[in-house]
Amino acid sequence: MRRPASARSDNAESRPDVRSDIVSAISEALAHPGDASAGLNSIFHRSGYSEKDIWSTFESVDDLVVAVAEHEAFFISQPLVRRARPTTLDDVRDTLVAFGLVASREYSTTLVGFIRMMMAEGARNPSLKKRLYEAGSEIVTRRLREFLSEANERGILSISDAQVCAEQLMGLLREPLYQALMLNPLTSQNGTTADRVKASVERFLHGCASAGSARYERAI
């Protein structure tokens, strides 16, 4: 449960994990942007931390937003790194669906708020965009590529280029992000979202599942 803002402020400098706490709180605030052009001050207010707390922890706004991007990449990637190594096509499917559900939820809530905040702040710094890419989407795509490469090496999938396949799947999963940026952010994950993610994963697997994967499953 979130602490009251006053408790956060009083203890901000004394707690060693304040950096991660601030990033988590801002990510949570971004998931409920409230309006289409929420700026930093509005986000800070909803996070429960004062500007003094935040700027005593982060050197600049660039460092703060990169830390948020890193946090999101870590969170989205967890289903890919926490599960056991895949041994069957069902293992691959279950992991990709779990990953897709987390990614879809973040792409339709938190990252919508994040992008709108950056637009409101007029962030056009090329070096910042590069840092955000390296801290965010590049990490998620790399972990997905590693997972797909392992499935390919184990004969479960038939993939000639894991990077291309990872980018294709990420494109399917990012559809809610594009939709939410054009419309209103979704605030919850429902059965329709789960069905859509499962259908996207099935389409992806249909295109790259190894013809010998069924034989592989029977052999283990």
N, C-alpha and C. Protein backbone atom coordinates (compact mmCIF):
# COMPACT_ATOMS: atom_id res chain seq x y z
N MET A 1 0.85 -1.21 0.00
CA MET A 1 0.00 0.00 0.00
C MET A 1 0.88 1.25 0.00
N ARG A 2 0.50 2.27 -0.77
CA ARG A 2 1.30 3.48 -0.87
C ARG A 2 1.26 4.28 0.42
N ARG A 3 2.44 4.78 0.84
CA ARG A 3 2.49 5.60 2.05
C ARG A 3 1.95 7.00 1.77
N PRO A 4 1.47 7.68 2.82
CA PRO A 4 1.07 9.08 2.65
C PRO A 4 2.27 9.91 2.20
N ALA A 5 1.99 10.99 1.47
CA ALA A 5 3.07 11.82 0.95
C ALA A 5 3.96 12.35 2.05
N SER A 6 3.37 12.73 3.20
CA SER A 6 4.16 13.30 4.28
C SER A 6 5.15 12.31 4.83
N ALA A 7 4.73 11.05 4.95
CA ALA A 7 5.64 10.03 5.46
C ALA A 7 6.79 9.81 4.50
N ARG A 8 6.51 9.87 3.22
CA ARG A 8 7.56 9.69 2.23
C ARG A 8 8.57 10.83 2.35
N SER A 9 8.08 12.05 2.41
CA SER A 9 8.97 13.20 2.45
C SER A 9 9.84 13.19 3.69
N ASP A 10 9.25 12.87 4.86
CA ASP A 10 10.00 12.89 6.10
C ASP A 10 11.14 11.89 6.09
N ASN A 11 10.94 10.77 5.42
CA ASN A 11 11.92 9.70 5.49
C ASN A 11 12.77 9.57 4.23
N ALA A 12 12.56 10.46 3.27
CA ALA A 12 13.19 10.28 1.95
C ALA A 12 14.70 10.18 2.04
N GLU A 13 15.34 11.08 2.80
CA GLU A 13 16.79 11.11 2.80
C GLU A 13 17.39 10.03 3.70
N SER A 14 16.60 9.44 4.57
CA SER A 14 17.14 8.48 5.52
C SER A 14 17.08 7.05 5.03
N ARG A 15 16.30 6.81 3.96
CA ARG A 15 16.13 5.45 3.49
C ARG A 15 17.06 5.17 2.33
N PRO A 16 17.87 4.09 2.41
CA PRO A 16 18.86 3.81 1.37
C PRO A 16 18.25 3.45 0.03
N ASP A 17 17.00 3.00 0.01
CA ASP A 17 16.39 2.59 -1.25
C ASP A 17 15.50 3.69 -1.82
N VAL A 18 15.77 4.93 -1.44
CA VAL A 18 14.90 6.02 -1.86
C VAL A 18 14.89 6.17 -3.38
N ARG A 19 16.02 5.93 -4.05
CA ARG A 19 16.07 6.07 -5.50
C ARG A 19 15.06 5.14 -6.18
N SER A 20 15.09 3.87 -5.81
CA SER A 20 14.16 2.92 -6.42
C SER A 20 12.73 3.21 -6.01
N ASP A 21 12.53 3.70 -4.78
CA ASP A 21 11.18 4.05 -4.33
C ASP A 21 10.61 5.20 -5.15
N ILE A 22 11.43 6.20 -5.41
CA ILE A 22 10.97 7.35 -6.19
C ILE A 22 10.62 6.91 -7.60
N VAL A 23 11.48 6.10 -8.21
CA VAL A 23 11.24 5.64 -9.58
C VAL A 23 9.95 4.82 -9.64
N SER A 24 9.75 3.93 -8.66
CA SER A 24 8.53 3.12 -8.63
C SER A 24 7.30 4.00 -8.46
N ALA A 25 7.40 5.00 -7.60
CA ALA A 25 6.26 5.89 -7.36
C ALA A 25 5.93 6.71 -8.60
N ILE A 26 6.94 7.18 -9.29
CA ILE A 26 6.70 7.96 -10.51
C ILE A 26 6.12 7.06 -11.59
N SER A 27 6.62 5.82 -11.70
CA SER A 27 6.05 4.89 -12.68
C SER A 27 4.59 4.64 -12.39
N GLU A 28 4.25 4.51 -11.11
CA GLU A 28 2.86 4.30 -10.73
C GLU A 28 2.02 5.52 -11.07
N ALA A 29 2.57 6.70 -10.84
CA ALA A 29 1.85 7.92 -11.16
C ALA A 29 1.64 8.04 -12.67
N LEU A 30 2.61 7.62 -13.45
CA LEU A 30 2.49 7.68 -14.90
C LEU A 30 1.41 6.75 -15.43
N ALA A 31 1.13 5.69 -14.69
CA ALA A 31 0.10 4.74 -15.12
C ALA A 31 -1.29 5.33 -15.02
N HIS A 32 -1.42 6.46 -14.33
CA HIS A 32 -2.71 7.15 -14.18
C HIS A 32 -2.49 8.62 -14.49
N PRO A 33 -2.20 8.93 -15.76
CA PRO A 33 -1.79 10.30 -16.12
C PRO A 33 -2.82 11.38 -15.85
N GLY A 34 -4.09 11.04 -15.82
CA GLY A 34 -5.10 12.04 -15.48
C GLY A 34 -5.46 12.98 -16.61
N ASP A 35 -4.48 13.44 -17.36
CA ASP A 35 -4.78 14.27 -18.52
C ASP A 35 -3.76 13.96 -19.60
N ALA A 36 -4.04 14.44 -20.80
CA ALA A 36 -3.23 14.06 -21.96
C ALA A 36 -1.88 14.74 -22.00
N SER A 37 -1.66 15.75 -21.18
CA SER A 37 -0.39 16.47 -21.25
C SER A 37 0.21 16.70 -19.87
N ALA A 38 0.19 15.66 -19.05
CA ALA A 38 0.71 15.78 -17.69
C ALA A 38 2.20 16.11 -17.72
N GLY A 39 2.59 17.19 -17.06
CA GLY A 39 3.99 17.57 -16.98
C GLY A 39 4.65 17.02 -15.74
N LEU A 40 5.92 17.35 -15.57
CA LEU A 40 6.68 16.81 -14.46
C LEU A 40 6.08 17.19 -13.10
N ASN A 41 5.68 18.44 -12.94
CA ASN A 41 5.16 18.86 -11.64
C ASN A 41 3.93 18.06 -11.25
N SER A 42 3.07 17.80 -12.22
CA SER A 42 1.87 17.01 -11.95
C SER A 42 2.24 15.58 -11.57
N ILE A 43 3.19 15.01 -12.29
CA ILE A 43 3.65 13.65 -12.00
C ILE A 43 4.28 13.58 -10.62
N PHE A 44 5.12 14.57 -10.29
CA PHE A 44 5.76 14.60 -8.97
C PHE A 44 4.70 14.64 -7.87
N HIS A 45 3.69 15.47 -8.07
CA HIS A 45 2.63 15.60 -7.05
C HIS A 45 1.94 14.26 -6.82
N ARG A 46 1.62 13.56 -7.90
CA ARG A 46 0.93 12.28 -7.75
C ARG A 46 1.85 11.20 -7.18
N SER A 47 3.16 11.36 -7.34
CA SER A 47 4.08 10.34 -6.83
C SER A 47 4.19 10.37 -5.31
N GLY A 48 3.86 11.53 -4.71
CA GLY A 48 3.96 11.65 -3.27
C GLY A 48 5.30 12.16 -2.79
N TYR A 49 6.23 12.46 -3.72
CA TYR A 49 7.54 12.99 -3.37
C TYR A 49 7.63 14.45 -3.76
N SER A 50 8.34 15.21 -2.97
CA SER A 50 8.54 16.63 -3.29
C SER A 50 9.68 16.78 -4.29
N GLU A 51 9.72 17.94 -4.93
CA GLU A 51 10.82 18.20 -5.85
C GLU A 51 12.16 18.16 -5.12
N LYS A 52 12.18 18.61 -3.88
CA LYS A 52 13.42 18.58 -3.10
C LYS A 52 13.91 17.14 -2.93
N ASP A 53 12.99 16.23 -2.59
CA ASP A 53 13.36 14.82 -2.45
C ASP A 53 13.94 14.28 -3.76
N ILE A 54 13.26 14.61 -4.85
CA ILE A 54 13.64 14.04 -6.14
C ILE A 54 14.97 14.59 -6.62
N TRP A 55 15.16 15.90 -6.53
CA TRP A 55 16.39 16.48 -7.07
C TRP A 55 17.57 16.32 -6.12
N SER A 56 17.32 15.88 -4.89
CA SER A 56 18.43 15.53 -4.01
C SER A 56 18.90 14.10 -4.30
N THR A 57 18.11 13.36 -5.09
CA THR A 57 18.44 11.97 -5.42
C THR A 57 18.93 11.84 -6.85
N PHE A 58 18.38 12.62 -7.76
CA PHE A 58 18.76 12.57 -9.17
C PHE A 58 19.42 13.88 -9.58
N GLU A 59 20.46 13.77 -10.38
CA GLU A 59 21.22 14.96 -10.77
C GLU A 59 20.47 15.83 -11.76
N SER A 60 19.63 15.20 -12.59
CA SER A 60 18.92 15.97 -13.62
C SER A 60 17.65 15.24 -14.01
N VAL A 61 16.79 15.92 -14.76
CA VAL A 61 15.57 15.29 -15.24
C VAL A 61 15.92 14.17 -16.21
N ASP A 62 17.01 14.33 -16.96
CA ASP A 62 17.42 13.26 -17.87
C ASP A 62 17.72 11.98 -17.11
N ASP A 63 18.46 12.10 -16.00
CA ASP A 63 18.79 10.92 -15.20
C ASP A 63 17.53 10.28 -14.64
N LEU A 64 16.58 11.10 -14.25
CA LEU A 64 15.33 10.59 -13.70
C LEU A 64 14.55 9.79 -14.74
N VAL A 65 14.36 10.36 -15.93
CA VAL A 65 13.54 9.67 -16.93
C VAL A 65 14.25 8.42 -17.46
N VAL A 66 15.58 8.43 -17.51
CA VAL A 66 16.31 7.22 -17.90
C VAL A 66 16.12 6.13 -16.85
N ALA A 67 16.13 6.53 -15.57
CA ALA A 67 15.90 5.56 -14.49
C ALA A 67 14.50 4.96 -14.59
N VAL A 68 13.52 5.77 -14.96
CA VAL A 68 12.16 5.25 -15.15
C VAL A 68 12.13 4.27 -16.31
N ALA A 69 12.81 4.60 -17.40
CA ALA A 69 12.88 3.69 -18.55
C ALA A 69 13.53 2.37 -18.17
N GLU A 70 14.59 2.42 -17.39
CA GLU A 70 15.26 1.20 -16.93
C GLU A 70 14.33 0.36 -16.06
N HIS A 71 13.60 1.03 -15.19
CA HIS A 71 12.64 0.35 -14.32
C HIS A 71 11.59 -0.38 -15.13
N GLU A 72 11.06 0.29 -16.15
CA GLU A 72 10.03 -0.32 -16.99
C GLU A 72 10.59 -1.52 -17.76
N ALA A 73 11.81 -1.36 -18.27
CA ALA A 73 12.43 -2.46 -19.03
C ALA A 73 12.65 -3.68 -18.14
N PHE A 74 13.09 -3.44 -16.92
CA PHE A 74 13.31 -4.54 -15.98
C PHE A 74 11.99 -5.24 -15.67
N PHE A 75 10.95 -4.45 -15.42
CA PHE A 75 9.65 -5.01 -15.06
C PHE A 75 9.06 -5.82 -16.21
N ILE A 76 9.08 -5.26 -17.41
CA ILE A 76 8.50 -5.94 -18.56
C ILE A 76 9.24 -7.22 -18.87
N SER A 77 10.55 -7.24 -18.65
CA SER A 77 11.38 -8.40 -19.02
C SER A 77 11.29 -9.57 -18.04
N GLN A 78 10.76 -9.34 -16.86
CA GLN A 78 10.79 -10.37 -15.83
C GLN A 78 10.23 -11.73 -16.26
N PRO A 79 9.10 -11.80 -16.96
CA PRO A 79 8.60 -13.13 -17.38
C PRO A 79 9.59 -13.89 -18.26
N LEU A 80 10.48 -13.17 -18.95
CA LEU A 80 11.44 -13.83 -19.83
C LEU A 80 12.64 -14.39 -19.07
N VAL A 81 12.96 -13.79 -17.93
CA VAL A 81 14.18 -14.19 -17.22
C VAL A 81 13.91 -15.02 -15.97
N ARG A 82 12.69 -15.00 -15.47
CA ARG A 82 12.40 -15.71 -14.23
C ARG A 82 11.97 -17.16 -14.44
N ARG A 83 11.50 -17.47 -15.63
CA ARG A 83 11.00 -18.81 -15.88
C ARG A 83 12.13 -19.78 -16.19
N ALA A 84 11.83 -21.07 -16.00
CA ALA A 84 12.82 -22.11 -16.32
C ALA A 84 13.07 -22.13 -17.82
N ARG A 85 14.20 -22.70 -18.21
CA ARG A 85 14.53 -22.79 -19.62
C ARG A 85 13.45 -23.58 -20.36
N PRO A 86 13.05 -23.12 -21.55
CA PRO A 86 11.97 -23.81 -22.27
C PRO A 86 12.40 -25.19 -22.77
N THR A 87 11.51 -26.15 -22.63
CA THR A 87 11.78 -27.49 -23.15
C THR A 87 10.72 -27.94 -24.16
N THR A 88 9.59 -27.27 -24.19
CA THR A 88 8.52 -27.62 -25.12
C THR A 88 7.93 -26.35 -25.73
N LEU A 89 7.15 -26.54 -26.78
CA LEU A 89 6.47 -25.40 -27.40
C LEU A 89 5.49 -24.76 -26.42
N ASP A 90 4.87 -25.57 -25.58
CA ASP A 90 3.95 -25.02 -24.57
C ASP A 90 4.70 -24.12 -23.59
N ASP A 91 5.95 -24.50 -23.24
CA ASP A 91 6.75 -23.65 -22.36
C ASP A 91 7.00 -22.29 -23.00
N VAL A 92 7.35 -22.32 -24.27
CA VAL A 92 7.60 -21.08 -25.00
C VAL A 92 6.33 -20.25 -25.06
N ARG A 93 5.22 -20.89 -25.39
CA ARG A 93 3.94 -20.19 -25.49
C ARG A 93 3.57 -19.55 -24.15
N ASP A 94 3.66 -20.31 -23.06
CA ASP A 94 3.28 -19.78 -21.74
C ASP A 94 4.14 -18.58 -21.36
N THR A 95 5.45 -18.67 -21.64
CA THR A 95 6.34 -17.56 -21.29
C THR A 95 6.04 -16.33 -22.12
N LEU A 96 5.82 -16.51 -23.41
CA LEU A 96 5.55 -15.37 -24.28
C LEU A 96 4.20 -14.72 -23.96
N VAL A 97 3.21 -15.53 -23.58
CA VAL A 97 1.92 -14.96 -23.19
C VAL A 97 2.08 -14.15 -21.90
N ALA A 98 2.81 -14.70 -20.92
CA ALA A 98 3.03 -13.98 -19.66
C ALA A 98 3.78 -12.67 -19.93
N PHE A 99 4.80 -12.74 -20.77
CA PHE A 99 5.54 -11.54 -21.16
C PHE A 99 4.64 -10.56 -21.89
N GLY A 100 3.83 -11.05 -22.80
CA GLY A 100 2.95 -10.20 -23.58
C GLY A 100 1.91 -9.49 -22.73
N LEU A 101 1.40 -10.17 -21.72
CA LEU A 101 0.39 -9.55 -20.85
C LEU A 101 0.99 -8.40 -20.05
N VAL A 102 2.20 -8.61 -19.53
CA VAL A 102 2.86 -7.54 -18.78
C VAL A 102 3.19 -6.38 -19.72
N ALA A 103 3.77 -6.70 -20.88
CA ALA A 103 4.13 -5.65 -21.83
C ALA A 103 2.91 -4.87 -22.28
N SER A 104 1.84 -5.57 -22.60
CA SER A 104 0.63 -4.92 -23.07
C SER A 104 0.06 -3.98 -22.02
N ARG A 105 0.06 -4.42 -20.78
CA ARG A 105 -0.45 -3.55 -19.70
C ARG A 105 0.39 -2.29 -19.57
N GLU A 106 1.72 -2.44 -19.61
CA GLU A 106 2.59 -1.27 -19.48
C GLU A 106 2.50 -0.36 -20.71
N TYR A 107 2.38 -0.96 -21.88
CA TYR A 107 2.29 -0.16 -23.10
C TYR A 107 0.98 0.59 -23.22
N SER A 108 -0.04 0.16 -22.49
CA SER A 108 -1.32 0.85 -22.56
C SER A 108 -1.57 1.76 -21.36
N THR A 109 -0.63 1.80 -20.42
CA THR A 109 -0.81 2.66 -19.24
C THR A 109 0.46 3.47 -18.97
N THR A 110 1.43 2.89 -18.28
CA THR A 110 2.60 3.63 -17.81
C THR A 110 3.37 4.30 -18.95
N LEU A 111 3.65 3.56 -20.02
CA LEU A 111 4.45 4.14 -21.08
C LEU A 111 3.69 5.18 -21.89
N VAL A 112 2.36 5.09 -21.87
CA VAL A 112 1.57 6.17 -22.48
C VAL A 112 1.81 7.46 -21.70
N GLY A 113 1.69 7.36 -20.37
CA GLY A 113 1.94 8.53 -19.54
C GLY A 113 3.35 9.05 -19.67
N PHE A 114 4.30 8.13 -19.79
CA PHE A 114 5.71 8.50 -19.92
C PHE A 114 5.93 9.30 -21.20
N ILE A 115 5.41 8.80 -22.31
CA ILE A 115 5.59 9.49 -23.59
C ILE A 115 4.88 10.85 -23.59
N ARG A 116 3.70 10.90 -23.01
CA ARG A 116 2.97 12.18 -22.96
C ARG A 116 3.71 13.18 -22.08
N MET A 117 4.32 12.69 -21.00
CA MET A 117 5.10 13.58 -20.14
C MET A 117 6.28 14.14 -20.92
N MET A 118 6.98 13.28 -21.66
CA MET A 118 8.14 13.73 -22.43
C MET A 118 7.71 14.74 -23.50
N MET A 119 6.56 14.51 -24.11
CA MET A 119 6.06 15.45 -25.12
C MET A 119 5.72 16.78 -24.47
N ALA A 120 5.12 16.73 -23.27
CA ALA A 120 4.76 17.96 -22.56
C ALA A 120 5.99 18.75 -22.17
N GLU A 121 7.09 18.04 -21.87
CA GLU A 121 8.32 18.70 -21.47
C GLU A 121 9.16 19.13 -22.67
N GLY A 122 8.71 18.78 -23.88
CA GLY A 122 9.43 19.17 -25.08
C GLY A 122 10.79 18.52 -25.19
N ALA A 123 10.90 17.26 -24.79
CA ALA A 123 12.19 16.56 -24.81
C ALA A 123 12.56 16.20 -26.25
N ARG A 124 13.49 16.97 -26.81
CA ARG A 124 13.94 16.70 -28.18
C ARG A 124 15.45 16.49 -28.23
N ASN A 125 16.02 16.21 -27.09
CA ASN A 125 17.47 16.01 -26.99
C ASN A 125 17.85 14.66 -27.60
N PRO A 126 18.61 14.64 -28.70
CA PRO A 126 18.98 13.37 -29.34
C PRO A 126 19.73 12.43 -28.41
N SER A 127 20.61 12.97 -27.58
CA SER A 127 21.38 12.11 -26.68
C SER A 127 20.47 11.47 -25.62
N LEU A 128 19.45 12.21 -25.18
CA LEU A 128 18.50 11.65 -24.22
C LEU A 128 17.69 10.55 -24.88
N LYS A 129 17.24 10.78 -26.11
CA LYS A 129 16.48 9.75 -26.82
C LYS A 129 17.30 8.48 -26.97
N LYS A 130 18.59 8.63 -27.23
CA LYS A 130 19.47 7.46 -27.36
C LYS A 130 19.59 6.73 -26.03
N ARG A 131 19.75 7.50 -24.94
CA ARG A 131 19.83 6.89 -23.61
C ARG A 131 18.53 6.16 -23.26
N LEU A 132 17.40 6.77 -23.60
CA LEU A 132 16.11 6.14 -23.30
C LEU A 132 15.95 4.84 -24.09
N TYR A 133 16.37 4.85 -25.34
CA TYR A 133 16.28 3.64 -26.16
C TYR A 133 17.16 2.54 -25.57
N GLU A 134 18.38 2.88 -25.21
CA GLU A 134 19.31 1.88 -24.69
C GLU A 134 18.87 1.36 -23.32
N ALA A 135 18.25 2.22 -22.52
CA ALA A 135 17.81 1.81 -21.18
C ALA A 135 16.46 1.11 -21.19
N GLY A 136 15.69 1.31 -22.27
CA GLY A 136 14.34 0.78 -22.31
C GLY A 136 14.12 -0.30 -23.33
N SER A 137 13.66 0.09 -24.51
CA SER A 137 13.22 -0.89 -25.51
C SER A 137 14.34 -1.80 -25.98
N GLU A 138 15.58 -1.28 -26.04
CA GLU A 138 16.68 -2.13 -26.48
C GLU A 138 16.89 -3.30 -25.52
N ILE A 139 16.78 -3.05 -24.22
CA ILE A 139 16.96 -4.10 -23.22
C ILE A 139 15.86 -5.15 -23.34
N VAL A 140 14.62 -4.69 -23.46
CA VAL A 140 13.51 -5.64 -23.57
C VAL A 140 13.65 -6.49 -24.83
N THR A 141 13.97 -5.85 -25.94
CA THR A 141 14.13 -6.59 -27.20
C THR A 141 15.29 -7.57 -27.11
N ARG A 142 16.38 -7.18 -26.45
CA ARG A 142 17.53 -8.08 -26.32
C ARG A 142 17.18 -9.31 -25.50
N ARG A 143 16.45 -9.13 -24.42
CA ARG A 143 16.08 -10.28 -23.59
C ARG A 143 15.11 -11.19 -24.32
N LEU A 144 14.21 -10.60 -25.10
CA LEU A 144 13.31 -11.41 -25.90
C LEU A 144 14.10 -12.17 -26.97
N ARG A 145 15.06 -11.50 -27.59
CA ARG A 145 15.90 -12.15 -28.60
C ARG A 145 16.66 -13.33 -27.99
N GLU A 146 17.18 -13.14 -26.79
CA GLU A 146 17.92 -14.22 -26.12
C GLU A 146 17.02 -15.41 -25.84
N PHE A 147 15.78 -15.13 -25.42
CA PHE A 147 14.84 -16.21 -25.15
C PHE A 147 14.50 -16.96 -26.43
N LEU A 148 14.24 -16.23 -27.51
CA LEU A 148 13.92 -16.86 -28.78
C LEU A 148 15.11 -17.65 -29.34
N SER A 149 16.30 -17.12 -29.17
CA SER A 149 17.50 -17.82 -29.64
C SER A 149 17.67 -19.14 -28.92
N GLU A 150 17.39 -19.14 -27.62
CA GLU A 150 17.51 -20.39 -26.86
C GLU A 150 16.47 -21.40 -27.33
N ALA A 151 15.24 -20.94 -27.58
CA ALA A 151 14.20 -21.84 -28.08
C ALA A 151 14.59 -22.40 -29.44
N ASN A 152 15.26 -21.58 -30.24
CA ASN A 152 15.72 -22.04 -31.55
C ASN A 152 16.83 -23.08 -31.40
N GLU A 153 17.79 -22.81 -30.51
CA GLU A 153 18.90 -23.74 -30.30
C GLU A 153 18.44 -25.08 -29.76
N ARG A 154 17.35 -25.07 -29.00
CA ARG A 154 16.82 -26.30 -28.43
C ARG A 154 15.86 -27.02 -29.39
N GLY A 155 15.70 -26.48 -30.58
CA GLY A 155 14.88 -27.12 -31.59
C GLY A 155 13.38 -26.93 -31.42
N ILE A 156 12.98 -26.01 -30.57
CA ILE A 156 11.56 -25.78 -30.32
C ILE A 156 10.97 -24.85 -31.37
N LEU A 157 11.73 -23.81 -31.72
CA LEU A 157 11.33 -22.88 -32.77
C LEU A 157 12.33 -22.96 -33.92
N SER A 158 11.89 -22.52 -35.07
CA SER A 158 12.77 -22.44 -36.23
C SER A 158 12.91 -20.98 -36.61
N ILE A 159 14.03 -20.38 -36.20
CA ILE A 159 14.23 -18.94 -36.37
C ILE A 159 15.55 -18.69 -37.07
N SER A 160 15.50 -17.97 -38.17
CA SER A 160 16.75 -17.66 -38.88
C SER A 160 17.39 -16.38 -38.34
N ASP A 161 16.58 -15.46 -37.84
CA ASP A 161 17.09 -14.20 -37.32
C ASP A 161 16.28 -13.83 -36.08
N ALA A 162 16.84 -14.11 -34.90
CA ALA A 162 16.12 -13.87 -33.65
C ALA A 162 15.84 -12.39 -33.42
N GLN A 163 16.74 -11.52 -33.90
CA GLN A 163 16.53 -10.08 -33.72
C GLN A 163 15.29 -9.62 -34.49
N VAL A 164 15.17 -10.06 -35.73
CA VAL A 164 14.01 -9.68 -36.55
C VAL A 164 12.73 -10.21 -35.92
N CYS A 165 12.76 -11.47 -35.48
CA CYS A 165 11.57 -12.07 -34.86
C CYS A 165 11.19 -11.33 -33.58
N ALA A 166 12.18 -10.96 -32.78
CA ALA A 166 11.91 -10.22 -31.55
C ALA A 166 11.26 -8.88 -31.87
N GLU A 167 11.76 -8.19 -32.88
CA GLU A 167 11.19 -6.90 -33.26
C GLU A 167 9.77 -7.05 -33.79
N GLN A 168 9.53 -8.14 -34.52
CA GLN A 168 8.17 -8.38 -35.03
C GLN A 168 7.18 -8.59 -33.89
N LEU A 169 7.57 -9.42 -32.91
CA LEU A 169 6.68 -9.67 -31.78
C LEU A 169 6.48 -8.40 -30.96
N MET A 170 7.55 -7.64 -30.75
CA MET A 170 7.41 -6.39 -30.01
C MET A 170 6.46 -5.44 -30.73
N GLY A 171 6.50 -5.45 -32.07
CA GLY A 171 5.58 -4.61 -32.83
C GLY A 171 4.13 -4.99 -32.59
N LEU A 172 3.86 -6.29 -32.52
CA LEU A 172 2.50 -6.76 -32.24
C LEU A 172 2.06 -6.32 -30.84
N LEU A 173 2.96 -6.42 -29.88
CA LEU A 173 2.61 -6.12 -28.49
C LEU A 173 2.49 -4.62 -28.23
N ARG A 174 3.11 -3.81 -29.08
CA ARG A 174 3.06 -2.36 -28.88
C ARG A 174 1.79 -1.73 -29.43
N GLU A 175 0.94 -2.50 -30.07
CA GLU A 175 -0.28 -1.92 -30.65
C GLU A 175 -1.11 -1.13 -29.64
N PRO A 176 -1.26 -1.62 -28.38
CA PRO A 176 -2.03 -0.82 -27.40
C PRO A 176 -1.40 0.53 -27.12
N LEU A 177 -0.06 0.61 -27.21
CA LEU A 177 0.61 1.89 -26.98
C LEU A 177 0.20 2.90 -28.04
N TYR A 178 0.23 2.49 -29.29
CA TYR A 178 -0.16 3.38 -30.37
C TYR A 178 -1.63 3.78 -30.24
N GLN A 179 -2.48 2.80 -29.91
CA GLN A 179 -3.90 3.07 -29.77
C GLN A 179 -4.18 4.04 -28.62
N ALA A 180 -3.50 3.79 -27.49
CA ALA A 180 -3.74 4.63 -26.32
C ALA A 180 -3.22 6.04 -26.51
N LEU A 181 -2.16 6.21 -27.28
CA LEU A 181 -1.66 7.55 -27.54
C LEU A 181 -2.63 8.34 -28.41
N MET A 182 -3.36 7.64 -29.25
CA MET A 182 -4.33 8.30 -30.12
C MET A 182 -5.67 8.49 -29.42
N LEU A 183 -5.98 7.58 -28.49
CA LEU A 183 -7.27 7.63 -27.80
C LEU A 183 -7.04 7.92 -26.33
N ASN A 184 -7.75 7.22 -25.44
CA ASN A 184 -7.57 7.37 -24.01
C ASN A 184 -6.81 6.18 -23.47
N PRO A 185 -5.89 6.38 -22.51
CA PRO A 185 -5.16 5.26 -21.94
C PRO A 185 -6.09 4.25 -21.28
N LEU A 186 -5.79 2.98 -21.45
CA LEU A 186 -6.54 1.95 -20.76
C LEU A 186 -6.07 1.92 -19.32
N THR A 187 -6.98 1.67 -18.40
CA THR A 187 -6.61 1.67 -16.99
C THR A 187 -6.62 0.29 -16.38
N SER A 188 -7.03 -0.70 -17.13
CA SER A 188 -7.03 -2.05 -16.58
C SER A 188 -6.89 -3.07 -17.69
N GLN A 189 -6.42 -4.23 -17.30
CA GLN A 189 -6.27 -5.32 -18.25
C GLN A 189 -7.50 -6.21 -18.15
N ASN A 190 -8.17 -6.43 -19.24
CA ASN A 190 -9.39 -7.23 -19.19
C ASN A 190 -9.25 -8.46 -20.06
N GLY A 191 -10.34 -9.24 -20.13
CA GLY A 191 -10.30 -10.48 -20.90
C GLY A 191 -10.00 -10.24 -22.36
N THR A 192 -10.50 -9.12 -22.90
CA THR A 192 -10.24 -8.81 -24.31
C THR A 192 -8.76 -8.62 -24.55
N THR A 193 -8.09 -7.93 -23.64
CA THR A 193 -6.64 -7.73 -23.77
C THR A 193 -5.91 -9.05 -23.72
N ALA A 194 -6.28 -9.91 -22.78
CA ALA A 194 -5.63 -11.22 -22.66
C ALA A 194 -5.84 -12.03 -23.93
N ASP A 195 -7.05 -12.00 -24.47
CA ASP A 195 -7.34 -12.74 -25.70
C ASP A 195 -6.50 -12.21 -26.86
N ARG A 196 -6.37 -10.88 -26.92
CA ARG A 196 -5.60 -10.29 -28.01
C ARG A 196 -4.14 -10.67 -27.93
N VAL A 197 -3.59 -10.65 -26.71
CA VAL A 197 -2.18 -11.03 -26.52
C VAL A 197 -1.97 -12.49 -26.90
N LYS A 198 -2.86 -13.35 -26.45
CA LYS A 198 -2.73 -14.78 -26.79
C LYS A 198 -2.81 -15.00 -28.29
N ALA A 199 -3.70 -14.27 -28.95
CA ALA A 199 -3.84 -14.40 -30.40
C ALA A 199 -2.58 -13.92 -31.11
N SER A 200 -1.98 -12.84 -30.61
CA SER A 200 -0.75 -12.32 -31.21
C SER A 200 0.38 -13.33 -31.05
N VAL A 201 0.48 -13.93 -29.88
CA VAL A 201 1.53 -14.93 -29.63
C VAL A 201 1.31 -16.14 -30.53
N GLU A 202 0.05 -16.56 -30.68
CA GLU A 202 -0.23 -17.72 -31.53
C GLU A 202 0.15 -17.43 -32.99
N ARG A 203 -0.16 -16.22 -33.46
CA ARG A 203 0.22 -15.86 -34.83
C ARG A 203 1.73 -15.88 -34.99
N PHE A 204 2.41 -15.37 -33.99
CA PHE A 204 3.87 -15.34 -34.02
C PHE A 204 4.44 -16.76 -34.04
N LEU A 205 3.92 -17.61 -33.15
CA LEU A 205 4.43 -18.98 -33.07
C LEU A 205 4.12 -19.77 -34.33
N HIS A 206 2.98 -19.50 -34.92
CA HIS A 206 2.60 -20.21 -36.14
C HIS A 206 3.62 -19.93 -37.25
N GLY A 207 4.20 -18.74 -37.21
CA GLY A 207 5.16 -18.38 -38.24
C GLY A 207 6.55 -18.91 -38.01
N CYS A 208 6.88 -19.29 -36.77
CA CYS A 208 8.26 -19.70 -36.52
C CYS A 208 8.39 -20.99 -35.71
N ALA A 209 7.27 -21.65 -35.39
CA ALA A 209 7.36 -22.92 -34.68
C ALA A 209 8.06 -23.95 -35.55
N SER A 210 8.99 -24.66 -34.97
CA SER A 210 9.73 -25.67 -35.72
C SER A 210 8.82 -26.81 -36.14
N ALA A 211 9.00 -27.26 -37.37
CA ALA A 211 8.20 -28.40 -37.83
C ALA A 211 8.50 -29.63 -37.01
N GLY A 212 9.68 -29.66 -36.42
CA GLY A 212 10.04 -30.83 -35.61
C GLY A 212 9.77 -30.64 -34.14
N SER A 213 9.12 -29.53 -33.75
CA SER A 213 8.92 -29.28 -32.32
C SER A 213 8.02 -30.33 -31.67
N ALA A 214 7.03 -30.81 -32.42
CA ALA A 214 6.15 -31.86 -31.86
C ALA A 214 6.93 -33.12 -31.59
N ARG A 215 7.82 -33.47 -32.53
CA ARG A 215 8.65 -34.66 -32.33
C ARG A 215 9.58 -34.45 -31.16
N TYR A 216 10.09 -33.21 -31.02
CA TYR A 216 10.98 -32.86 -29.92
C TYR A 216 10.27 -33.04 -28.58
N GLU A 217 9.00 -32.56 -28.51
CA GLU A 217 8.25 -32.68 -27.27
C GLU A 217 8.03 -34.13 -26.89
N ARG A 218 7.76 -34.99 -27.89
CA ARG A 218 7.52 -36.39 -27.58
C ARG A 218 8.79 -37.10 -27.13
N ALA A 219 9.93 -36.57 -27.55
CA ALA A 219 11.19 -37.25 -27.27
C ALA A 219 11.71 -36.97 -25.87
N ILE A 220 11.29 -35.84 -25.25
CA ILE A 220 11.86 -35.50 -23.95
C ILE A 220 11.09 -36.16 -22.81
